[in-house]
């Protein structure tokens, strides 16, 4: 149950980051009709992962629920690890 909650909150955090970039793109005009379909598919996939994880748990499919949430949570963890690694090691970019 603890793993489910960790995956759920990690998925929600990743979804909030994606939603933030979407809203910033709308305000600055970088999301146009040309790439709007890509953003629509991305947002639908994020919503399907979150809603699917919650609905599957509610119906008793805990393992499938964790797998559904892990699709969104694990890339978020990897990216956060990458950012921490960059901050801690202070690499030279030249």
Protein backbone atom coordinates (compact mmCIF):
# COMPACT_ATOMS: atom_id res chain seq x y z
CA UNK A 1 0.00 0.00 0.00
CA UNK A 2 2.90 2.35 0.70
CA UNK A 3 4.36 1.70 -2.76
CA UNK A 4 0.99 2.58 -4.30
CA UNK A 5 0.92 5.91 -2.47
CA UNK A 6 4.50 6.71 -3.46
CA UNK A 7 3.71 5.91 -7.10
CA UNK A 8 0.48 7.90 -6.96
CA UNK A 9 2.08 11.05 -5.56
CA UNK A 10 5.04 10.74 -7.92
CA UNK A 11 2.67 10.42 -10.86
CA UNK A 12 0.68 13.42 -9.70
CA UNK A 13 3.89 15.46 -9.41
CA UNK A 14 4.97 14.44 -12.92
CA UNK A 15 1.51 15.29 -14.25
CA UNK A 16 1.66 18.71 -12.62
CA UNK A 17 5.03 19.41 -14.29
CA UNK A 18 3.63 18.41 -17.68
CA UNK A 19 0.52 20.53 -17.10
CA UNK A 20 2.72 23.48 -16.10
CA UNK A 21 4.70 23.27 -19.33
CA UNK A 22 1.43 23.03 -21.27
CA UNK A 23 0.00 26.14 -19.62
CA UNK A 24 3.23 28.09 -20.12
CA UNK A 25 3.18 27.05 -23.77
CA UNK A 26 -0.37 28.31 -24.12
CA UNK A 27 0.43 31.68 -22.60
CA UNK A 28 3.58 32.33 -24.64
CA UNK A 29 2.08 31.07 -27.88
CA UNK A 30 4.45 28.17 -28.50
CA UNK A 31 1.55 25.70 -28.59
CA UNK A 32 -0.13 26.18 -31.93
CA UNK A 33 -2.43 24.19 -34.17
CA UNK A 34 0.65 22.53 -35.60
CA UNK A 35 1.66 20.80 -32.37
CA UNK A 36 -1.67 20.93 -30.55
CA UNK A 37 -2.50 17.35 -31.44
CA UNK A 38 0.77 16.12 -29.92
CA UNK A 39 -0.02 17.96 -26.70
CA UNK A 40 -3.56 16.57 -26.70
CA UNK A 41 -2.26 13.01 -27.00
CA UNK A 42 0.34 13.64 -24.27
CA UNK A 43 -2.22 15.09 -21.86
CA UNK A 44 -4.67 12.25 -22.56
CA UNK A 45 -1.95 9.67 -21.89
CA UNK A 46 -1.06 11.35 -18.59
CA UNK A 47 -4.71 11.49 -17.56
CA UNK A 48 -5.23 7.85 -18.60
CA UNK A 49 -2.29 6.75 -16.48
CA UNK A 50 -3.52 8.60 -13.40
CA UNK A 51 -7.19 7.73 -13.74
CA UNK A 52 -6.38 4.17 -14.73
CA UNK A 53 -4.23 3.68 -11.65
CA UNK A 54 -6.92 5.01 -9.35
CA UNK A 55 -9.76 3.05 -10.96
CA UNK A 56 -7.79 -0.19 -11.04
CA UNK A 57 -7.01 0.12 -7.32
CA UNK A 58 -10.62 0.87 -6.54
CA UNK A 59 -11.65 -2.35 -8.30
CA UNK A 60 -9.05 -4.42 -6.45
CA UNK A 61 -6.33 -4.76 -9.11
CA UNK A 62 -3.48 -3.44 -6.98
CA UNK A 63 -0.61 -4.82 -9.08
CA UNK A 64 -2.03 -3.49 -12.34
CA UNK A 65 -2.71 -0.19 -10.65
CA UNK A 66 0.94 0.10 -9.58
CA UNK A 67 2.12 -0.75 -13.08
CA UNK A 68 -0.18 1.86 -14.59
CA UNK A 69 1.10 4.54 -12.22
CA UNK A 70 4.71 3.47 -12.71
CA UNK A 71 4.48 4.41 -16.40
CA UNK A 72 4.38 8.03 -15.32
CA UNK A 73 6.29 7.90 -12.03
CA UNK A 74 9.49 6.14 -13.10
CA UNK A 75 10.47 8.64 -15.84
CA UNK A 76 9.78 11.40 -13.32
CA UNK A 77 12.13 9.77 -10.81
CA UNK A 78 14.81 9.33 -13.46
CA UNK A 79 14.58 12.98 -14.48
CA UNK A 80 14.69 14.13 -10.85
CA UNK A 81 17.75 11.93 -10.27
CA UNK A 82 19.37 13.48 -13.35
CA UNK A 83 18.74 17.00 -12.05
CA UNK A 84 20.12 16.16 -8.62
CA UNK A 85 23.17 14.58 -10.24
CA UNK A 86 23.79 17.73 -12.29
CA UNK A 87 23.46 19.98 -9.26
CA UNK A 88 25.68 17.84 -7.02
CA UNK A 89 28.50 17.08 -9.48
CA UNK A 90 28.63 20.56 -11.07
CA UNK A 91 29.90 19.36 -14.45
CA UNK A 92 31.89 21.51 -16.84
CA UNK A 93 29.90 22.03 -20.03
CA UNK A 94 32.73 23.30 -22.25
